[in-house]
C-alpha atoms as a PDB file:
ATOM      1  CA  MET A   1     -42.741 172.984  57.907  1.00  0.00           C
ATOM      2  CA  GLU A   2     -46.393 172.836  58.242  1.00  0.00           C
ATOM      3  CA  LYS A   3     -46.232 169.085  58.010  1.00  0.00           C
ATOM      4  CA  PHE A   4     -43.775 168.860  61.013  1.00  0.00           C
ATOM      5  CA  LEU A   5     -45.961 171.173  63.181  1.00  0.00           C
ATOM      6  CA  SER A   6     -49.020 169.043  62.420  1.00  0.00           C
ATOM      7  CA  TYR A   7     -46.844 166.036  63.177  1.00  0.00           C
ATOM      8  CA  ILE A   8     -46.059 167.554  66.596  1.00  0.00           C
ATOM      9  CA  ARG A   9     -49.731 168.651  67.343  1.00  0.00           C
ATOM     10  CA  ASN A  10     -50.857 165.152  66.429  1.00  0.00           C
ATOM     11  CA  ALA A  11     -48.159 163.438  68.659  1.00  0.00           C
ATOM     12  CA  LYS A  12     -48.916 165.691  71.508  1.00  0.00           C
ATOM     13  CA  ALA A  13     -52.788 164.774  71.068  1.00  0.00           C
ATOM     14  CA  GLU A  14     -52.043 161.064  71.060  1.00  0.00           C
ATOM     15  CA  LEU A  15     -49.682 161.401  74.048  1.00  0.00           C
ATOM     16  CA  GLY A  16     -52.671 162.851  75.971  1.00  0.00           C
ATOM     17  CA  LYS A  17     -54.862 159.837  75.399  1.00  0.00           C
ATOM     18  CA  VAL A  18     -52.183 157.423  76.962  1.00  0.00           C
ATOM     19  CA  ILE A  19     -52.971 156.007  80.372  1.00  0.00           C
ATOM     20  CA  PHE A  20     -49.736 155.533  82.208  1.00  0.00           C
ATOM     21  CA  PRO A  21     -49.753 152.830  85.119  1.00  0.00           C
ATOM     22  CA  THR A  22     -49.947 153.757  88.651  1.00  0.00           C
ATOM     23  CA  LYS A  23     -47.081 152.880  90.975  1.00  0.00           C
ATOM     24  CA  GLU A  24     -49.017 149.935  92.475  1.00  0.00           C
ATOM     25  CA  GLN A  25     -49.664 148.478  89.106  1.00  0.00           C
ATOM     26  CA  VAL A  26     -45.861 148.778  88.088  1.00  0.00           C
ATOM     27  CA  ARG A  27     -44.983 147.281  91.498  1.00  0.00           C
ATOM     28  CA  ASN A  28     -47.414 144.308  91.081  1.00  0.00           C
ATOM     29  CA  ALA A  29     -46.220 143.636  87.539  1.00  0.00           C
ATOM     30  CA  PHE A  30     -42.349 143.735  88.949  1.00  0.00           C
ATOM     31  CA  PHE A  31     -43.016 141.163  91.543  1.00  0.00           C
ATOM     32  CA  SER A  32     -44.963 138.865  89.150  1.00  0.00           C
ATOM     33  CA  VAL A  33     -42.261 139.092  86.572  1.00  0.00           C
ATOM     34  CA  PHE A  34     -39.476 138.590  89.316  1.00  0.00           C
ATOM     35  CA  ILE A  35     -41.453 135.538  90.764  1.00  0.00           C
ATOM     36  CA  VAL A  36     -41.876 133.979  87.244  1.00  0.00           C
ATOM     37  CA  VAL A  37     -38.351 134.362  86.222  1.00  0.00           C
ATOM     38  CA  THR A  38     -37.065 133.052  89.632  1.00  0.00           C
ATOM     39  CA  ILE A  39     -39.283 129.940  89.252  1.00  0.00           C
ATOM     40  CA  ILE A  40     -38.223 129.412  85.677  1.00  0.00           C
ATOM     41  CA  SER A  41     -34.444 129.831  86.610  1.00  0.00           C
ATOM     42  CA  LEU A  42     -34.662 127.316  89.488  1.00  0.00           C
ATOM     43  CA  PHE A  43     -36.287 124.951  87.144  1.00  0.00           C
ATOM     44  CA  LEU A  44     -33.742 125.289  84.368  1.00  0.00           C
ATOM     45  CA  ALA A  45     -31.059 124.926  87.041  1.00  0.00           C
ATOM     46  CA  LEU A  46     -32.500 121.701  88.381  1.00  0.00           C
ATOM     47  CA  VAL A  47     -32.737 120.335  84.739  1.00  0.00           C
ATOM     48  CA  ASP A  48     -29.138 121.423  84.108  1.00  0.00           C
ATOM     49  CA  PHE A  49     -27.928 119.590  87.390  1.00  0.00           C
ATOM     50  CA  ILE A  50     -29.868 116.492  86.433  1.00  0.00           C
ATOM     51  CA  MET A  51     -28.669 116.240  82.837  1.00  0.00           C
ATOM     52  CA  SER A  52     -25.014 116.953  84.192  1.00  0.00           C
ATOM     53  CA  SER A  53     -25.413 114.279  86.589  1.00  0.00           C
ATOM     54  CA  ILE A  54     -26.594 111.730  83.983  1.00  0.00           C
ATOM     55  CA  ILE A  55     -23.693 112.643  81.486  1.00  0.00           C
ATOM     56  CA  LYS A  56     -21.085 112.406  84.319  1.00  0.00           C
ATOM     57  CA  GLY A  57     -22.644 109.070  85.277  1.00  0.00           C
ATOM     58  CA  ILE A  58     -22.526 107.775  81.781  1.00  0.00           C
ATOM     59  CA  LEU A  59     -18.934 108.932  81.055  1.00  0.00           C
END
């Protein structure tokens, strides 16, 4: 039981050291990820369209 209580105390102490991001940091990270995912998705859609056109042209 002492090990468990020690674990809880240590976990609480470590959680106190964590620096959580602010709302602005979360918002900026969200928009950055959203923009990168959108650009990559558009690029892959373009590559897919070009490759499909090439394949259909050959067949």
